Every structure is written in structure tokens, then in C-alpha cells.
PDB file of N, CA and C in Angstrom:
ATOM      1  N   MET A   1      62.308   4.566 -90.577  1.00  0.00           N
ATOM      2  CA  MET A   1      61.176   5.372 -90.237  1.00  0.00           C
ATOM      3  C   MET A   1      61.579   6.839 -90.224  1.00  0.00           C
ATOM      4  N   LYS A   2      60.571   7.685 -90.475  1.00  0.00           N
ATOM      5  CA  LYS A   2      60.808   9.126 -90.468  1.00  0.00           C
ATOM      6  C   LYS A   2      59.561   9.818 -89.929  1.00  0.00           C
ATOM      7  N   TRP A   3      59.749  10.715 -88.961  1.00  0.00           N
ATOM      8  CA  TRP A   3      58.660  11.503 -88.400  1.00  0.00           C
ATOM      9  C   TRP A   3      58.711  12.901 -88.998  1.00  0.00           C
ATOM     10  N   ASP A   4      57.564  13.389 -89.500  1.00  0.00           N
ATOM     11  CA  ASP A   4      57.457  14.745 -90.024  1.00  0.00           C
ATOM     12  C   ASP A   4      56.518  15.517 -89.103  1.00  0.00           C
ATOM     13  N   ALA A   5      57.085  16.358 -88.242  1.00  0.00           N
ATOM     14  CA  ALA A   5      56.292  17.089 -87.250  1.00  0.00           C
ATOM     15  C   ALA A   5      55.331  18.079 -87.904  1.00  0.00           C
ATOM     16  N   LYS A   6      55.722  18.645 -89.025  1.00  0.00           N
ATOM     17  CA  LYS A   6      54.869  19.631 -89.707  1.00  0.00           C
ATOM     18  C   LYS A   6      53.570  19.004 -90.200  1.00  0.00           C
ATOM     19  N   THR A   7      53.663  17.815 -90.804  1.00  0.00           N
ATOM     20  CA  THR A   7      52.470  17.154 -91.338  1.00  0.00           C
ATOM     21  C   THR A   7      51.896  16.098 -90.395  1.00  0.00           C
ATOM     22  N   GLN A   8      52.575  15.887 -89.256  1.00  0.00           N
ATOM     23  CA  GLN A   8      52.148  14.884 -88.274  1.00  0.00           C
ATOM     24  C   GLN A   8      52.038  13.495 -88.903  1.00  0.00           C
ATOM     25  N   THR A   9      53.052  13.113 -89.698  1.00  0.00           N
ATOM     26  CA  THR A   9      53.048  11.800 -90.340  1.00  0.00           C
ATOM     27  C   THR A   9      54.306  11.012 -89.986  1.00  0.00           C
ATOM     28  N   LEU A  10      54.114   9.725 -89.850  1.00  0.00           N
ATOM     29  CA  LEU A  10      55.200   8.780 -89.650  1.00  0.00           C
ATOM     30  C   LEU A  10      55.239   7.919 -90.902  1.00  0.00           C
ATOM     31  N   SER A  11      56.395   7.823 -91.529  1.00  0.00           N
ATOM     32  CA  SER A  11      56.503   7.012 -92.748  1.00  0.00           C
ATOM     33  C   SER A  11      57.680   6.061 -92.615  1.00  0.00           C
ATOM     34  N   GLY A  12      57.623   4.999 -93.372  1.00  0.00           N
ATOM     35  CA  GLY A  12      58.713   4.037 -93.328  1.00  0.00           C
ATOM     36  C   GLY A  12      58.552   2.963 -94.376  1.00  0.00           C
ATOM     37  N   LYS A  13      59.473   2.030 -94.343  1.00  0.00           N
ATOM     38  CA  LYS A  13      59.444   0.876 -95.234  1.00  0.00           C
ATOM     39  C   LYS A  13      59.630  -0.363 -94.384  1.00  0.00           C
ATOM     40  N   SER A  14      58.935  -1.418 -94.749  1.00  0.00           N
ATOM     41  CA  SER A  14      59.033  -2.677 -94.015  1.00  0.00           C
ATOM     42  C   SER A  14      59.287  -3.825 -94.972  1.00  0.00           C
ATOM     43  N   ALA A  15      60.100  -4.778 -94.539  1.00  0.00           N
ATOM     44  CA  ALA A  15      60.300  -6.017 -95.289  1.00  0.00           C
ATOM     45  C   ALA A  15      59.116  -6.927 -94.963  1.00  0.00           C
ATOM     46  N   VAL A  16      58.465  -7.435 -96.003  1.00  0.00           N
ATOM     47  CA  VAL A  16      57.260  -8.244 -95.816  1.00  0.00           C
ATOM     48  C   VAL A  16      57.352  -9.547 -96.604  1.00  0.00           C
ATOM     49  N   VAL A  17      56.525 -10.509 -96.204  1.00  0.00           N
ATOM     50  CA  VAL A  17      56.440 -11.800 -96.883  1.00  0.00           C
ATOM     51  C   VAL A  17      55.057 -11.885 -97.537  1.00  0.00           C
ATOM     52  N   GLY A  18      55.033 -12.200 -98.806  1.00  0.00           N
ATOM     53  CA  GLY A  18      53.778 -12.282 -99.543  1.00  0.00           C
ATOM     54  C   GLY A  18      52.761 -13.190 -98.876  1.00  0.00           C
ATOM     55  N   GLU A  19      51.521 -12.719 -98.812  1.00  0.00           N
ATOM     56  CA  GLU A  19      50.382 -13.427 -98.234  1.00  0.00           C
ATOM     57  C   GLU A  19      50.484 -13.654 -96.725  1.00  0.00           C
ATOM     58  N   ASP A  20      51.475 -13.050 -96.063  1.00  0.00           N
ATOM     59  CA  ASP A  20      51.636 -13.170 -94.614  1.00  0.00           C
ATOM     60  C   ASP A  20      51.140 -11.879 -93.971  1.00  0.00           C
ATOM     61  N   PRO A  21      50.074 -11.927 -93.152  1.00  0.00           N
ATOM     62  CA  PRO A  21      49.560 -10.705 -92.527  1.00  0.00           C
ATOM     63  C   PRO A  21      50.666  -9.957 -91.786  1.00  0.00           C
ATOM     64  N   TYR A  22      50.698  -8.634 -91.962  1.00  0.00           N
ATOM     65  CA  TYR A  22      51.735  -7.801 -91.364  1.00  0.00           C
ATOM     66  C   TYR A  22      51.098  -6.757 -90.458  1.00  0.00           C
ATOM     67  N   PRO A  23      51.310  -6.871 -89.134  1.00  0.00           N
ATOM     68  CA  PRO A  23      50.820  -5.833 -88.230  1.00  0.00           C
ATOM     69  C   PRO A  23      51.962  -4.865 -87.875  1.00  0.00           C
ATOM     70  N   LEU A  24      51.647  -3.595 -87.846  1.00  0.00           N
ATOM     71  CA  LEU A  24      52.601  -2.559 -87.471  1.00  0.00           C
ATOM     72  C   LEU A  24      51.975  -1.816 -86.291  1.00  0.00           C
ATOM     73  N   THR A  25      52.535  -1.971 -85.094  1.00  0.00           N
ATOM     74  CA  THR A  25      51.982  -1.332 -83.900  1.00  0.00           C
ATOM     75  C   THR A  25      52.829  -0.126 -83.527  1.00  0.00           C
ATOM     76  N   ILE A  26      52.149   0.991 -83.322  1.00  0.00           N
ATOM     77  CA  ILE A  26      52.807   2.277 -83.099  1.00  0.00           C
ATOM     78  C   ILE A  26      52.292   2.905 -81.807  1.00  0.00           C
ATOM     79  N   HIS A  27      53.200   3.462 -81.028  1.00  0.00           N
ATOM     80  CA  HIS A  27      52.807   4.214 -79.825  1.00  0.00           C
ATOM     81  C   HIS A  27      52.191   5.544 -80.260  1.00  0.00           C
ATOM     82  N   VAL A  28      51.041   5.888 -79.686  1.00  0.00           N
ATOM     83  CA  VAL A  28      50.375   7.153 -79.964  1.00  0.00           C
ATOM     84  C   VAL A  28      50.396   7.987 -78.678  1.00  0.00           C
ATOM     85  N   PRO A  29      51.129   9.091 -78.672  1.00  0.00           N
ATOM     86  CA  PRO A  29      51.221   9.914 -77.460  1.00  0.00           C
ATOM     87  C   PRO A  29      49.856  10.469 -77.046  1.00  0.00           C
ATOM     88  N   SER A  30      49.708  10.708 -75.771  1.00  0.00           N
ATOM     89  CA  SER A  30      48.485  11.296 -75.239  1.00  0.00           C
ATOM     90  C   SER A  30      48.179  12.602 -75.972  1.00  0.00           C
ATOM     91  N   GLY A  31      46.943  12.797 -76.363  1.00  0.00           N
ATOM     92  CA  GLY A  31      46.536  14.005 -77.070  1.00  0.00           C
ATOM     93  C   GLY A  31      46.566  13.875 -78.581  1.00  0.00           C
ATOM     94  N   SER A  32      47.147  12.797 -79.102  1.00  0.00           N
ATOM     95  CA  SER A  32      47.179  12.550 -80.539  1.00  0.00           C
ATOM     96  C   SER A  32      46.226  11.407 -80.876  1.00  0.00           C
ATOM     97  N   HIS A  33      45.771  11.388 -82.131  1.00  0.00           N
ATOM     98  CA  HIS A  33      44.860  10.349 -82.597  1.00  0.00           C
ATOM     99  C   HIS A  33      45.254   9.929 -84.009  1.00  0.00           C
ATOM    100  N   LEU A  34      45.046   8.667 -84.310  1.00  0.00           N
ATOM    101  CA  LEU A  34      45.318   8.161 -85.653  1.00  0.00           C
ATOM    102  C   LEU A  34      44.317   8.771 -86.621  1.00  0.00           C
ATOM    103  N   LYS A  35      44.797   9.339 -87.697  1.00  0.00           N
ATOM    104  CA  LYS A  35      43.935   9.940 -88.724  1.00  0.00           C
ATOM    105  C   LYS A  35      43.746   8.985 -89.892  1.00  0.00           C
ATOM    106  N   SER A  36      44.852   8.419 -90.397  1.00  0.00           N
ATOM    107  CA  SER A  36      44.770   7.494 -91.526  1.00  0.00           C
ATOM    108  C   SER A  36      46.050   6.689 -91.648  1.00  0.00           C
ATOM    109  N   ALA A  37      45.967   5.603 -92.403  1.00  0.00           N
ATOM    110  CA  ALA A  37      47.134   4.764 -92.684  1.00  0.00           C
ATOM    111  C   ALA A  37      47.055   4.322 -94.140  1.00  0.00           C
ATOM    112  N   ILE A  38      48.134   4.533 -94.854  1.00  0.00           N
ATOM    113  CA  ILE A  38      48.209   4.200 -96.280  1.00  0.00           C
ATOM    114  C   ILE A  38      49.385   3.255 -96.491  1.00  0.00           C
ATOM    115  N   ARG A  39      49.151   2.214 -97.291  1.00  0.00           N
ATOM    116  CA  ARG A  39      50.225   1.284 -97.641  1.00  0.00           C
ATOM    117  C   ARG A  39      50.097   0.988 -99.126  1.00  0.00           C
ATOM    118  N   GLY A  40      51.141   1.257 -99.867  1.00  0.00           N
ATOM    119  CA  GLY A  40      51.102   0.999-101.301  1.00  0.00           C
ATOM    120  C   GLY A  40      50.030   1.794-102.025  1.00  0.00           C
ATOM    121  N   GLY A  41      49.738   3.003-101.536  1.00  0.00           N
ATOM    122  CA  GLY A  41      48.745   3.856-102.167  1.00  0.00           C
ATOM    123  C   GLY A  41      47.310   3.536-101.791  1.00  0.00           C
ATOM    124  N   GLU A  42      47.099   2.537-100.965  1.00  0.00           N
ATOM    125  CA  GLU A  42      45.745   2.154-100.557  1.00  0.00           C
ATOM    126  C   GLU A  42      45.583   2.256 -99.051  1.00  0.00           C
ATOM    127  N   LYS A  43      44.360   2.521 -98.630  1.00  0.00           N
ATOM    128  CA  LYS A  43      44.059   2.612 -97.205  1.00  0.00           C
ATOM    129  C   LYS A  43      44.286   1.255 -96.541  1.00  0.00           C
ATOM    130  N   ALA A  44      44.924   1.294 -95.368  1.00  0.00           N
ATOM    131  CA  ALA A  44      45.193   0.062 -94.617  1.00  0.00           C
ATOM    132  C   ALA A  44      44.205  -0.056 -93.459  1.00  0.00           C
ATOM    133  N   GLU A  45      43.973  -1.275 -93.012  1.00  0.00           N
ATOM    134  CA  GLU A  45      43.107  -1.537 -91.864  1.00  0.00           C
ATOM    135  C   GLU A  45      43.803  -1.039 -90.597  1.00  0.00           C
ATOM    136  N   THR A  46      43.044  -0.377 -89.722  1.00  0.00           N
ATOM    137  CA  THR A  46      43.630   0.128 -88.477  1.00  0.00           C
ATOM    138  C   THR A  46      42.775  -0.257 -87.274  1.00  0.00           C
ATOM    139  N   THR A  47      43.440  -0.374 -86.141  1.00  0.00           N
ATOM    140  CA  THR A  47      42.795  -0.601 -84.853  1.00  0.00           C
ATOM    141  C   THR A  47      43.464   0.338 -83.865  1.00  0.00           C
ATOM    142  N   THR A  48      42.672   1.013 -83.057  1.00  0.00           N
ATOM    143  CA  THR A  48      43.258   1.903 -82.054  1.00  0.00           C
ATOM    144  C   THR A  48      42.873   1.451 -80.653  1.00  0.00           C
ATOM    145  N   ARG A  49      43.790   1.661 -79.750  1.00  0.00           N
ATOM    146  CA  ARG A  49      43.611   1.381 -78.325  1.00  0.00           C
ATOM    147  C   ARG A  49      44.270   2.545 -77.594  1.00  0.00           C
ATOM    148  N   PRO A  50      44.037   2.662 -76.305  1.00  0.00           N
ATOM    149  CA  PRO A  50      44.717   3.743 -75.587  1.00  0.00           C
ATOM    150  C   PRO A  50      46.241   3.662 -75.790  1.00  0.00           C
ATOM    151  N   GLU A  51      46.807   4.712 -76.317  1.00  0.00           N
ATOM    152  CA  GLU A  51      48.243   4.881 -76.525  1.00  0.00           C
ATOM    153  C   GLU A  51      48.878   4.015 -77.606  1.00  0.00           C
ATOM    154  N   THR A  52      48.102   3.216 -78.354  1.00  0.00           N
ATOM    155  CA  THR A  52      48.671   2.463 -79.472  1.00  0.00           C
ATOM    156  C   THR A  52      47.713   2.448 -80.661  1.00  0.00           C
ATOM    157  N   ALA A  53      48.284   2.273 -81.822  1.00  0.00           N
ATOM    158  CA  ALA A  53      47.515   2.060 -83.047  1.00  0.00           C
ATOM    159  C   ALA A  53      48.186   0.915 -83.788  1.00  0.00           C
ATOM    160  N   THR A  54      47.383   0.046 -84.371  1.00  0.00           N
ATOM    161  CA  THR A  54      47.924  -1.057 -85.157  1.00  0.00           C
ATOM    162  C   THR A  54      47.419  -0.931 -86.587  1.00  0.00           C
ATOM    163  N   VAL A  55      48.353  -0.955 -87.513  1.00  0.00           N
ATOM    164  CA  VAL A  55      48.056  -0.933 -88.942  1.00  0.00           C
ATOM    165  C   VAL A  55      48.297  -2.346 -89.452  1.00  0.00           C
ATOM    166  N   ARG A  56      47.302  -2.912 -90.129  1.00  0.00           N
ATOM    167  CA  ARG A  56      47.435  -4.293 -90.612  1.00  0.00           C
ATOM    168  C   ARG A  56      47.192  -4.342 -92.114  1.00  0.00           C
ATOM    169  N   PHE A  57      47.994  -5.152 -92.787  1.00  0.00           N
ATOM    170  CA  PHE A  57      47.768  -5.398 -94.207  1.00  0.00           C
ATOM    171  C   PHE A  57      48.365  -6.749 -94.577  1.00  0.00           C
ATOM    172  N   VAL A  58      47.936  -7.255 -95.710  1.00  0.00           N
ATOM    173  CA  VAL A  58      48.448  -8.529 -96.220  1.00  0.00           C
ATOM    174  C   VAL A  58      49.078  -8.235 -97.582  1.00  0.00           C
ATOM    175  N   PRO A  59      50.405  -8.231 -97.657  1.00  0.00           N
ATOM    176  CA  PRO A  59      51.071  -7.951 -98.927  1.00  0.00           C
ATOM    177  C   PRO A  59      50.864  -9.096 -99.922  1.00  0.00           C
ATOM    178  N   THR A  60      50.799  -8.749-101.186  1.00  0.00           N
ATOM    179  CA  THR A  60      50.621  -9.783-102.211  1.00  0.00           C
ATOM    180  C   THR A  60      51.954 -10.404-102.628  1.00  0.00           C
ATOM    181  N   GLU A  61      53.048  -9.658-102.405  1.00  0.00           N
ATOM    182  CA  GLU A  61      54.370 -10.156-102.804  1.00  0.00           C
ATOM    183  C   GLU A  61      55.391  -9.983-101.683  1.00  0.00           C
ATOM    184  N   THR A  62      56.413 -10.803-101.692  1.00  0.00           N
ATOM    185  CA  THR A  62      57.520 -10.668-100.753  1.00  0.00           C
ATOM    186  C   THR A  62      58.420  -9.532-101.236  1.00  0.00           C
ATOM    187  N   GLY A  63      58.870  -8.716-100.312  1.00  0.00           N
ATOM    188  CA  GLY A  63      59.740  -7.600-100.673  1.00  0.00           C
ATOM    189  C   GLY A  63      59.663  -6.495 -99.643  1.00  0.00           C
ATOM    190  N   THR A  64      59.804  -5.267-100.114  1.00  0.00           N
ATOM    191  CA  THR A  64      59.742  -4.093 -99.249  1.00  0.00           C
ATOM    192  C   THR A  64      58.523  -3.272 -99.624  1.00  0.00           C
ATOM    193  N   THR A  65      57.813  -2.795 -98.613  1.00  0.00           N
ATOM    194  CA  THR A  65      56.629  -1.966 -98.880  1.00  0.00           C
ATOM    195  C   THR A  65      56.717  -0.686 -98.063  1.00  0.00           C
ATOM    196  N   ALA A  66      56.258   0.413 -98.649  1.00  0.00           N
ATOM    197  CA  ALA A  66      56.250   1.716 -97.974  1.00  0.00           C
ATOM    198  C   ALA A  66      54.890   1.952 -97.341  1.00  0.00           C
ATOM    199  N   TRP A  67      54.888   2.661 -96.210  1.00  0.00           N
ATOM    200  CA  TRP A  67      53.642   2.990 -95.520  1.00  0.00           C
ATOM    201  C   TRP A  67      53.737   4.396 -94.936  1.00  0.00           C
ATOM    202  N   ILE A  68      52.579   5.002 -94.723  1.00  0.00           N
ATOM    203  CA  ILE A  68      52.477   6.333 -94.126  1.00  0.00           C
ATOM    204  C   ILE A  68      51.316   6.317 -93.139  1.00  0.00           C
ATOM    205  N   VAL A  69      51.575   6.768 -91.933  1.00  0.00           N
ATOM    206  CA  VAL A  69      50.541   6.864 -90.905  1.00  0.00           C
ATOM    207  C   VAL A  69      50.421   8.333 -90.510  1.00  0.00           C
ATOM    208  N   ALA A  70      49.204   8.878 -90.600  1.00  0.00           N
ATOM    209  CA  ALA A  70      48.968  10.283 -90.281  1.00  0.00           C
ATOM    210  C   ALA A  70      48.225  10.398 -88.956  1.00  0.00           C
ATOM    211  N   PHE A  71      48.556  11.430 -88.207  1.00  0.00           N
ATOM    212  CA  PHE A  71      47.951  11.684 -86.902  1.00  0.00           C
ATOM    213  C   PHE A  71      47.322  13.065 -86.863  1.00  0.00           C
ATOM    214  N   LYS A  72      46.441  13.276 -85.891  1.00  0.00           N
ATOM    215  CA  LYS A  72      45.874  14.591 -85.646  1.00  0.00           C
ATOM    216  C   LYS A  72      45.845  14.814 -84.142  1.00  0.00           C
ATOM    217  N   ARG A  73      45.823  16.051 -83.753  1.00  0.00           N
ATOM    218  CA  ARG A  73      45.758  16.420 -82.330  1.00  0.00           C
ATOM    219  C   ARG A  73      44.382  16.907 -82.006  1.00  0.00           C
TER     220      ARG A  73
END
């Protein structure tokens, strides 16, 4: 994982299993909000709760996938 304070983005890579739903839960500090989530160049499904955000996707293949989560204040 890598945090970019200038762009307010968290990016990383995850090992995934094809056709197995993958949830990624992230702590969201007070005062910040989830702006968007991208996985493999496409928008990912998101759910927000107080202090957490969950990004969910179902990969088509087993392997490694890159993701980017953007925040706003």
C-alpha cells in the first residue's frame, strides 16, 4: 500500500482468487470522506460507515489486482 498525501489517494495491490468476492475495508479518519474507488480501471462498489469504507469487487481471474481509493476532506 502507498498513501499519497498530495492527491489524498491510497493505492495498493491485492492477491485475489477468481470469482471470489473481495472486500477491502479501510479506516477513514474523522473529517475525511471516500470520494471514489477504482480497481482494474473500473469503478468499484463502495460502502461507507462511520470511520470505515469498504471497497468490494469480484475478480474474474486469480492473481494480483491494483486498486486506488481517493478521499476528500
